[in-house]
């Protein structure tokens, strides 16, 4: 079988591809989702905000803080999982659920990357890490910007692809991760809020693979797959080829 490993050094990540970094058994994208179907250019770039189970992008800076957005969509999608047809992630990244919350396996640190505050998540076993910028969120009621990047109260807020059980707001909230210099919580939020999106992929079982290094992090990316014509069960759906999933903690 022809190995694709030599090709990896020649293939640059663009705004629709990301090799990913393995943390606690899951391959995480190194950048936030930007416009639908694309990633931000660099790990510290904010990307765009999204309301849960919707693929309309909202700016992380405009309008400015505390300015309401006229006709803000306050409708609530009544589904349990973020649906593929409304997922803003690049093609092939359906919404699913994973975890960075196991402190015995993942270290979490408030830090700064190229002048941007955020959280670094590091796998305690392999040393791989990702950076999630703290760029705030948009309010569920009127879309006003809150806890924005660069403010003294900046926070990171990232959707999970999973809705809450019916015991929490009748199942009409969704899980999200919120962090700042003073807090680190996995909780739920109302779905009309607009938060950041970070994607993950499920690593398929391959007959061969290779390790490569990414300059931003200097760690192993683990096995990178270009396998095709295979299927994996993800949640309650079947996805073909190199299956990837998004927005999950």
C-alpha atoms as a PDB file:
ATOM      1  CA  UNK A   1       0.000   0.000   0.000  1.00  0.00           C
ATOM      2  CA  UNK A   2       1.323   3.418  -0.946  1.00  0.00           C
ATOM      3  CA  UNK A   3       2.062   5.569   2.091  1.00  0.00           C
ATOM      4  CA  UNK A   4       0.778   9.149   2.009  1.00  0.00           C
ATOM      5  CA  UNK A   5       3.129  10.243   4.791  1.00  0.00           C
ATOM      6  CA  UNK A   6       5.672  11.987   2.511  1.00  0.00           C
ATOM      7  CA  UNK A   7       2.860  14.086   1.061  1.00  0.00           C
ATOM      8  CA  UNK A   8       1.897  15.673   4.365  1.00  0.00           C
ATOM      9  CA  UNK A   9       4.870  18.013   4.506  1.00  0.00           C
ATOM     10  CA  UNK A  10       3.963  19.298   1.039  1.00  0.00           C
ATOM     11  CA  UNK A  11       0.256  19.792   1.696  1.00  0.00           C
ATOM     12  CA  UNK A  12      -0.514  23.122   3.346  1.00  0.00           C
ATOM     13  CA  UNK A  13      -3.607  23.553   5.476  1.00  0.00           C
ATOM     14  CA  UNK A  14      -5.994  25.965   3.812  1.00  0.00           C
ATOM     15  CA  UNK A  15      -9.250  27.436   5.039  1.00  0.00           C
ATOM     16  CA  UNK A  16     -11.188  24.221   4.365  1.00  0.00           C
ATOM     17  CA  UNK A  17      -8.703  21.641   5.681  1.00  0.00           C
ATOM     18  CA  UNK A  18      -7.067  20.965   9.033  1.00  0.00           C
ATOM     19  CA  UNK A  19      -4.829  18.016   9.916  1.00  0.00           C
ATOM     20  CA  UNK A  20      -5.977  18.078  13.526  1.00  0.00           C
ATOM     21  CA  UNK A  21      -4.238  17.341  16.818  1.00  0.00           C
ATOM     22  CA  UNK A  22      -4.995  14.249  18.906  1.00  0.00           C
ATOM     23  CA  UNK A  23      -6.031  15.023  22.476  1.00  0.00           C
ATOM     24  CA  UNK A  24      -7.504  12.345  24.731  1.00  0.00           C
ATOM     25  CA  UNK A  25      -8.186  10.078  21.752  1.00  0.00           C
ATOM     26  CA  UNK A  26      -9.933  12.716  19.619  1.00  0.00           C
ATOM     27  CA  UNK A  27      -8.488  14.729  16.733  1.00  0.00           C
ATOM     28  CA  UNK A  28      -9.234  18.424  17.251  1.00  0.00           C
ATOM     29  CA  UNK A  29      -9.048  21.128  14.607  1.00  0.00           C
ATOM     30  CA  UNK A  30      -6.381  23.708  15.399  1.00  0.00           C
ATOM     31  CA  UNK A  31      -8.579  26.683  14.381  1.00  0.00           C
ATOM     32  CA  UNK A  32     -12.115  27.967  14.934  1.00  0.00           C
ATOM     33  CA  UNK A  33     -14.784  27.782  12.259  1.00  0.00           C
ATOM     34  CA  UNK A  34     -14.911  31.027  10.294  1.00  0.00           C
ATOM     35  CA  UNK A  35     -17.396  31.637   7.458  1.00  0.00           C
ATOM     36  CA  UNK A  36     -19.535  28.543   6.734  1.00  0.00           C
ATOM     37  CA  UNK A  37     -17.368  25.770   5.350  1.00  0.00           C
ATOM     38  CA  UNK A  38     -14.055  27.386   6.336  1.00  0.00           C
ATOM     39  CA  UNK A  39     -11.578  27.623   9.197  1.00  0.00           C
ATOM     40  CA  UNK A  40      -9.949  30.770  10.546  1.00  0.00           C
ATOM     41  CA  UNK A  41      -6.443  31.417   9.176  1.00  0.00           C
ATOM     42  CA  UNK A  42      -4.603  30.943  12.501  1.00  0.00           C
ATOM     43  CA  UNK A  43      -5.336  29.319  15.902  1.00  0.00           C
ATOM     44  CA  UNK A  44      -5.672  32.688  17.653  1.00  0.00           C
ATOM     45  CA  UNK A  45      -8.054  34.166  15.072  1.00  0.00           C
ATOM     46  CA  UNK A  46     -11.642  34.352  16.388  1.00  0.00           C
ATOM     47  CA  UNK A  47     -13.556  32.958  13.434  1.00  0.00           C
ATOM     48  CA  UNK A  48     -17.299  33.658  13.542  1.00  0.00           C
ATOM     49  CA  UNK A  49     -20.100  33.146  16.067  1.00  0.00           C
ATOM     50  CA  UNK A  50     -23.020  30.799  15.388  1.00  0.00           C
ATOM     51  CA  UNK A  51     -26.378  30.211  17.018  1.00  0.00           C
ATOM     52  CA  UNK A  52     -26.920  26.563  17.886  1.00  0.00           C
ATOM     53  CA  UNK A  53     -28.031  24.389  14.948  1.00  0.00           C
ATOM     54  CA  UNK A  54     -27.892  27.364  12.570  1.00  0.00           C
ATOM     55  CA  UNK A  55     -25.275  28.210   9.953  1.00  0.00           C
ATOM     56  CA  UNK A  56     -25.607  31.998   9.748  1.00  0.00           C
ATOM     57  CA  UNK A  57     -22.280  33.607  10.770  1.00  0.00           C
ATOM     58  CA  UNK A  58     -22.121  36.547  13.168  1.00  0.00           C
ATOM     59  CA  UNK A  59     -19.127  38.835  13.626  1.00  0.00           C
ATOM     60  CA  UNK A  60     -17.107  38.653  16.830  1.00  0.00           C
ATOM     61  CA  UNK A  61     -16.514  42.441  16.736  1.00  0.00           C
ATOM     62  CA  UNK A  62     -19.308  44.233  14.823  1.00  0.00           C
ATOM     63  CA  UNK A  63     -21.649  45.550  16.173  1.00  0.00           C
ATOM     64  CA  UNK A  64     -19.655  46.706  19.169  1.00  0.00           C
ATOM     65  CA  UNK A  65     -20.389  45.566  22.755  1.00  0.00           C
ATOM     66  CA  UNK A  66     -23.862  46.167  24.170  1.00  0.00           C
ATOM     67  CA  UNK A  67     -25.311  47.175  20.782  1.00  0.00           C
ATOM     68  CA  UNK A  68     -28.430  45.148  19.957  1.00  0.00           C
ATOM     69  CA  UNK A  69     -28.864  43.559  16.518  1.00  0.00           C
ATOM     70  CA  UNK A  70     -32.283  44.385  14.993  1.00  0.00           C
ATOM     71  CA  UNK A  71     -34.526  41.367  14.345  1.00  0.00           C
ATOM     72  CA  UNK A  72     -32.197  38.982  16.179  1.00  0.00           C
ATOM     73  CA  UNK A  73     -33.435  35.408  15.618  1.00  0.00           C
ATOM     74  CA  UNK A  74     -34.663  34.088  18.971  1.00  0.00           C
ATOM     75  CA  UNK A  75     -36.221  30.890  17.602  1.00  0.00           C
ATOM     76  CA  UNK A  76     -35.168  27.643  19.283  1.00  0.00           C
ATOM     77  CA  UNK A  77     -34.404  24.525  17.185  1.00  0.00           C
ATOM     78  CA  UNK A  78     -36.150  21.560  18.806  1.00  0.00           C
ATOM     79  CA  UNK A  79     -33.612  18.824  18.025  1.00  0.00           C
ATOM     80  CA  UNK A  80     -31.234  16.822  20.232  1.00  0.00           C
ATOM     81  CA  UNK A  81     -28.103  17.096  18.057  1.00  0.00           C
ATOM     82  CA  UNK A  82     -26.697  19.771  15.749  1.00  0.00           C
ATOM     83  CA  UNK A  83     -27.922  18.687  12.305  1.00  0.00           C
ATOM     84  CA  UNK A  84     -25.486  18.170   9.382  1.00  0.00           C
ATOM     85  CA  UNK A  85     -27.440  20.437   7.034  1.00  0.00           C
ATOM     86  CA  UNK A  86     -27.045  23.400   9.404  1.00  0.00           C
ATOM     87  CA  UNK A  87     -23.477  22.661  10.526  1.00  0.00           C
ATOM     88  CA  UNK A  88     -21.175  25.564   9.524  1.00  0.00           C
ATOM     89  CA  UNK A  89     -18.025  23.438   9.708  1.00  0.00           C
ATOM     90  CA  UNK A  90     -16.086  22.579   6.535  1.00  0.00           C
ATOM     91  CA  UNK A  91     -17.511  19.768   4.420  1.00  0.00           C
ATOM     92  CA  UNK A  92     -17.418  16.376   6.110  1.00  0.00           C
ATOM     93  CA  UNK A  93     -17.541  17.646   9.702  1.00  0.00           C
ATOM     94  CA  UNK A  94     -20.989  16.722  11.139  1.00  0.00           C
ATOM     95  CA  UNK A  95     -21.788  17.762  14.694  1.00  0.00           C
ATOM     96  CA  UNK A  96     -21.165  15.240  17.429  1.00  0.00           C
ATOM     97  CA  UNK A  97     -19.870  15.055  20.997  1.00  0.00           C
ATOM     98  CA  UNK A  98     -16.478  14.381  22.604  1.00  0.00           C
ATOM     99  CA  UNK A  99     -14.651  15.499  25.744  1.00  0.00           C
ATOM    100  CA  UNK A 100     -11.841  17.737  26.959  1.00  0.00           C
ATOM    101  CA  UNK A 101     -13.189  17.699  30.502  1.00  0.00           C
ATOM    102  CA  UNK A 102     -11.210  14.760  31.913  1.00  0.00           C
ATOM    103  CA  UNK A 103      -8.625  16.578  34.042  1.00  0.00           C
ATOM    104  CA  UNK A 104      -6.715  13.343  34.639  1.00  0.00           C
ATOM    105  CA  UNK A 105      -5.939  13.229  30.901  1.00  0.00           C
ATOM    106  CA  UNK A 106      -6.193  16.863  29.730  1.00  0.00           C
ATOM    107  CA  UNK A 107      -4.529  19.889  31.318  1.00  0.00           C
ATOM    108  CA  UNK A 108      -6.309  23.248  30.892  1.00  0.00           C
ATOM    109  CA  UNK A 109      -4.423  26.551  31.189  1.00  0.00           C
ATOM    110  CA  UNK A 110      -5.401  30.216  30.707  1.00  0.00           C
ATOM    111  CA  UNK A 111      -2.676  31.692  28.496  1.00  0.00           C
ATOM    112  CA  UNK A 112      -1.902  34.070  25.628  1.00  0.00           C
ATOM    113  CA  UNK A 113      -1.026  33.263  21.995  1.00  0.00           C
ATOM    114  CA  UNK A 114       0.283  36.098  19.820  1.00  0.00           C
ATOM    115  CA  UNK A 115      -1.352  38.660  22.072  1.00  0.00           C
ATOM    116  CA  UNK A 116      -4.727  36.881  22.281  1.00  0.00           C
ATOM    117  CA  UNK A 117      -6.036  35.468  25.575  1.00  0.00           C
ATOM    118  CA  UNK A 118      -7.521  32.012  25.650  1.00  0.00           C
ATOM    119  CA  UNK A 119      -7.271  28.439  26.917  1.00  0.00           C
ATOM    120  CA  UNK A 120      -4.654  25.873  25.984  1.00  0.00           C
ATOM    121  CA  UNK A 121      -5.783  22.246  26.265  1.00  0.00           C
ATOM    122  CA  UNK A 122      -2.890  19.782  26.520  1.00  0.00           C
ATOM    123  CA  UNK A 123      -2.967  15.987  26.416  1.00  0.00           C
ATOM    124  CA  UNK A 124      -1.109  14.843  29.536  1.00  0.00           C
ATOM    125  CA  UNK A 125       0.145  11.683  27.830  1.00  0.00           C
ATOM    126  CA  UNK A 126       1.321  12.791  24.375  1.00  0.00           C
ATOM    127  CA  UNK A 127       1.869  16.518  25.023  1.00  0.00           C
ATOM    128  CA  UNK A 128      -0.263  17.677  22.079  1.00  0.00           C
ATOM    129  CA  UNK A 129      -2.184  20.903  22.584  1.00  0.00           C
ATOM    130  CA  UNK A 130      -4.710  23.258  21.019  1.00  0.00           C
ATOM    131  CA  UNK A 131      -5.469  26.905  21.733  1.00  0.00           C
ATOM    132  CA  UNK A 132      -9.027  28.245  21.953  1.00  0.00           C
ATOM    133  CA  UNK A 133      -9.238  32.055  21.831  1.00  0.00           C
ATOM    134  CA  UNK A 134     -11.487  33.900  24.265  1.00  0.00           C
ATOM    135  CA  UNK A 135     -13.607  36.091  21.998  1.00  0.00           C
ATOM    136  CA  UNK A 136     -16.852  36.414  23.950  1.00  0.00           C
ATOM    137  CA  UNK A 137     -20.363  35.644  22.663  1.00  0.00           C
ATOM    138  CA  UNK A 138     -23.580  37.271  21.456  1.00  0.00           C
ATOM    139  CA  UNK A 139     -26.561  37.549  23.789  1.00  0.00           C
ATOM    140  CA  UNK A 140     -29.489  35.195  23.280  1.00  0.00           C
ATOM    141  CA  UNK A 141     -32.084  37.986  23.462  1.00  0.00           C
ATOM    142  CA  UNK A 142     -30.719  40.719  21.201  1.00  0.00           C
ATOM    143  CA  UNK A 143     -27.374  39.588  19.767  1.00  0.00           C
ATOM    144  CA  UNK A 144     -25.343  42.181  21.665  1.00  0.00           C
ATOM    145  CA  UNK A 145     -21.642  41.378  22.099  1.00  0.00           C
ATOM    146  CA  UNK A 146     -20.553  40.284  25.588  1.00  0.00           C
ATOM    147  CA  UNK A 147     -17.221  39.418  27.246  1.00  0.00           C
ATOM    148  CA  UNK A 148     -15.418  40.410  24.070  1.00  0.00           C
ATOM    149  CA  UNK A 149     -11.801  39.729  23.124  1.00  0.00           C
ATOM    150  CA  UNK A 150      -9.343  42.144  24.660  1.00  0.00           C
ATOM    151  CA  UNK A 151     -11.616  43.235  27.517  1.00  0.00           C
ATOM    152  CA  UNK A 152     -10.721  42.656  31.157  1.00  0.00           C
ATOM    153  CA  UNK A 153     -13.572  40.132  31.362  1.00  0.00           C
ATOM    154  CA  UNK A 154     -12.932  38.295  28.064  1.00  0.00           C
ATOM    155  CA  UNK A 155     -14.261  34.750  27.953  1.00  0.00           C
ATOM    156  CA  UNK A 156     -14.284  31.841  25.535  1.00  0.00           C
ATOM    157  CA  UNK A 157     -17.648  30.215  24.807  1.00  0.00           C
ATOM    158  CA  UNK A 158     -17.823  27.126  22.593  1.00  0.00           C
ATOM    159  CA  UNK A 159     -20.895  25.134  21.591  1.00  0.00           C
ATOM    160  CA  UNK A 160     -21.236  21.397  21.991  1.00  0.00           C
ATOM    161  CA  UNK A 161     -23.111  19.571  19.265  1.00  0.00           C
ATOM    162  CA  UNK A 162     -25.384  18.050  21.898  1.00  0.00           C
ATOM    163  CA  UNK A 163     -28.593  19.429  23.330  1.00  0.00           C
ATOM    164  CA  UNK A 164     -29.481  19.114  26.996  1.00  0.00           C
ATOM    165  CA  UNK A 165     -31.880  16.506  28.427  1.00  0.00           C
ATOM    166  CA  UNK A 166     -35.504  17.428  28.998  1.00  0.00           C
ATOM    167  CA  UNK A 167     -34.746  18.072  32.678  1.00  0.00           C
ATOM    168  CA  UNK A 168     -32.905  21.275  31.626  1.00  0.00           C
ATOM    169  CA  UNK A 169     -35.268  23.904  30.156  1.00  0.00           C
ATOM    170  CA  UNK A 170     -37.406  21.141  28.629  1.00  0.00           C
ATOM    171  CA  UNK A 171     -34.452  20.039  26.500  1.00  0.00           C
ATOM    172  CA  UNK A 172     -34.249  23.379  24.679  1.00  0.00           C
ATOM    173  CA  UNK A 173     -30.772  24.350  25.895  1.00  0.00           C
ATOM    174  CA  UNK A 174     -27.458  23.013  24.558  1.00  0.00           C
ATOM    175  CA  UNK A 175     -24.198  22.258  26.297  1.00  0.00           C
ATOM    176  CA  UNK A 176     -21.267  24.619  25.930  1.00  0.00           C
ATOM    177  CA  UNK A 177     -17.858  25.283  27.453  1.00  0.00           C
ATOM    178  CA  UNK A 178     -17.200  28.692  28.983  1.00  0.00           C
ATOM    179  CA  UNK A 179     -13.809  29.758  30.304  1.00  0.00           C
ATOM    180  CA  UNK A 180     -11.958  32.903  31.341  1.00  0.00           C
ATOM    181  CA  UNK A 181      -9.104  33.916  33.611  1.00  0.00           C
ATOM    182  CA  UNK A 182     -11.369  33.182  36.581  1.00  0.00           C
ATOM    183  CA  UNK A 183     -13.790  30.434  35.493  1.00  0.00           C
ATOM    184  CA  UNK A 184     -13.821  27.074  33.717  1.00  0.00           C
ATOM    185  CA  UNK A 185     -17.257  25.510  33.348  1.00  0.00           C
ATOM    186  CA  UNK A 186     -19.158  23.082  31.166  1.00  0.00           C
ATOM    187  CA  UNK A 187     -22.801  24.061  31.392  1.00  0.00           C
ATOM    188  CA  UNK A 188     -25.790  24.850  29.169  1.00  0.00           C
ATOM    189  CA  UNK A 189     -27.008  27.928  27.330  1.00  0.00           C
ATOM    190  CA  UNK A 190     -30.120  28.927  25.443  1.00  0.00           C
ATOM    191  CA  UNK A 191     -29.786  28.156  21.750  1.00  0.00           C
ATOM    192  CA  UNK A 192     -30.415  31.674  20.355  1.00  0.00           C
ATOM    193  CA  UNK A 193     -27.069  32.777  21.849  1.00  0.00           C
ATOM    194  CA  UNK A 194     -24.216  32.908  19.313  1.00  0.00           C
ATOM    195  CA  UNK A 195     -20.951  31.255  20.373  1.00  0.00           C
ATOM    196  CA  UNK A 196     -17.680  30.050  18.856  1.00  0.00           C
ATOM    197  CA  UNK A 197     -17.327  26.701  17.079  1.00  0.00           C
ATOM    198  CA  UNK A 198     -14.305  24.393  17.223  1.00  0.00           C
ATOM    199  CA  UNK A 199     -14.430  21.152  15.209  1.00  0.00           C
ATOM    200  CA  UNK A 200     -13.178  17.638  15.873  1.00  0.00           C
ATOM    201  CA  UNK A 201     -12.898  14.472  13.834  1.00  0.00           C
ATOM    202  CA  UNK A 202     -13.083  10.832  14.766  1.00  0.00           C
ATOM    203  CA  UNK A 203      -9.873   8.989  13.932  1.00  0.00           C
ATOM    204  CA  UNK A 204     -10.604   6.001  11.662  1.00  0.00           C
ATOM    205  CA  UNK A 205      -8.699   2.735  12.059  1.00  0.00           C
ATOM    206  CA  UNK A 206      -6.080   2.634   9.325  1.00  0.00           C
ATOM    207  CA  UNK A 207      -3.783  -0.058   7.988  1.00  0.00           C
ATOM    208  CA  UNK A 208      -0.915   2.439   7.989  1.00  0.00           C
ATOM    209  CA  UNK A 209      -0.199   5.991   9.091  1.00  0.00           C
ATOM    210  CA  UNK A 210       2.455   8.396  10.169  1.00  0.00           C
ATOM    211  CA  UNK A 211       3.287  11.134  12.628  1.00  0.00           C
ATOM    212  CA  UNK A 212       4.068  14.659  11.604  1.00  0.00           C
ATOM    213  CA  UNK A 213       4.739  17.892  13.445  1.00  0.00           C
ATOM    214  CA  UNK A 214       2.874  21.176  13.234  1.00  0.00           C
ATOM    215  CA  UNK A 215       5.106  24.234  13.729  1.00  0.00           C
ATOM    216  CA  UNK A 216       2.560  26.192  15.787  1.00  0.00           C
ATOM    217  CA  UNK A 217       2.492  23.540  18.469  1.00  0.00           C
ATOM    218  CA  UNK A 218       5.592  21.448  17.892  1.00  0.00           C
ATOM    219  CA  UNK A 219       3.738  18.251  18.788  1.00  0.00           C
ATOM    220  CA  UNK A 220       2.763  15.085  17.032  1.00  0.00           C
ATOM    221  CA  UNK A 221      -0.439  15.202  15.022  1.00  0.00           C
ATOM    222  CA  UNK A 222      -0.764  11.434  15.266  1.00  0.00           C
ATOM    223  CA  UNK A 223      -2.155   9.367  12.418  1.00  0.00           C
ATOM    224  CA  UNK A 224      -3.504  11.430   9.522  1.00  0.00           C
ATOM    225  CA  UNK A 225      -5.938   9.675   7.209  1.00  0.00           C
ATOM    226  CA  UNK A 226      -6.924  10.155   3.597  1.00  0.00           C
ATOM    227  CA  UNK A 227      -8.848   6.873   3.601  1.00  0.00           C
ATOM    228  CA  UNK A 228     -11.936   6.640   1.375  1.00  0.00           C
ATOM    229  CA  UNK A 229     -14.921   4.359   0.813  1.00  0.00           C
ATOM    230  CA  UNK A 230     -15.241   3.450   4.476  1.00  0.00           C
ATOM    231  CA  UNK A 231     -18.062   4.031   6.934  1.00  0.00           C
ATOM    232  CA  UNK A 232     -18.212   4.726  10.652  1.00  0.00           C
ATOM    233  CA  UNK A 233     -21.198   5.088  12.961  1.00  0.00           C
ATOM    234  CA  UNK A 234     -21.196   8.542  14.593  1.00  0.00           C
ATOM    235  CA  UNK A 235     -23.980   9.109  17.069  1.00  0.00           C
ATOM    236  CA  UNK A 236     -27.082   7.777  15.328  1.00  0.00           C
ATOM    237  CA  UNK A 237     -25.817   8.412  11.778  1.00  0.00           C
ATOM    238  CA  UNK A 238     -23.408   6.742   9.346  1.00  0.00           C
ATOM    239  CA  UNK A 239     -20.746   8.919   7.706  1.00  0.00           C
ATOM    240  CA  UNK A 240     -18.528   7.879   4.824  1.00  0.00           C
ATOM    241  CA  UNK A 241     -14.817   8.410   4.214  1.00  0.00           C
ATOM    242  CA  UNK A 242     -12.542  10.077   6.789  1.00  0.00           C
ATOM    243  CA  UNK A 243     -15.235  10.908   9.307  1.00  0.00           C
ATOM    244  CA  UNK A 244     -14.954  14.205  11.166  1.00  0.00           C
ATOM    245  CA  UNK A 245     -17.185  15.818  13.746  1.00  0.00           C
ATOM    246  CA  UNK A 246     -17.546  19.255  15.302  1.00  0.00           C
ATOM    247  CA  UNK A 247     -18.254  21.663  18.153  1.00  0.00           C
ATOM    248  CA  UNK A 248     -17.951  19.269  21.000  1.00  0.00           C
ATOM    249  CA  UNK A 249     -16.686  18.949  24.559  1.00  0.00           C
END
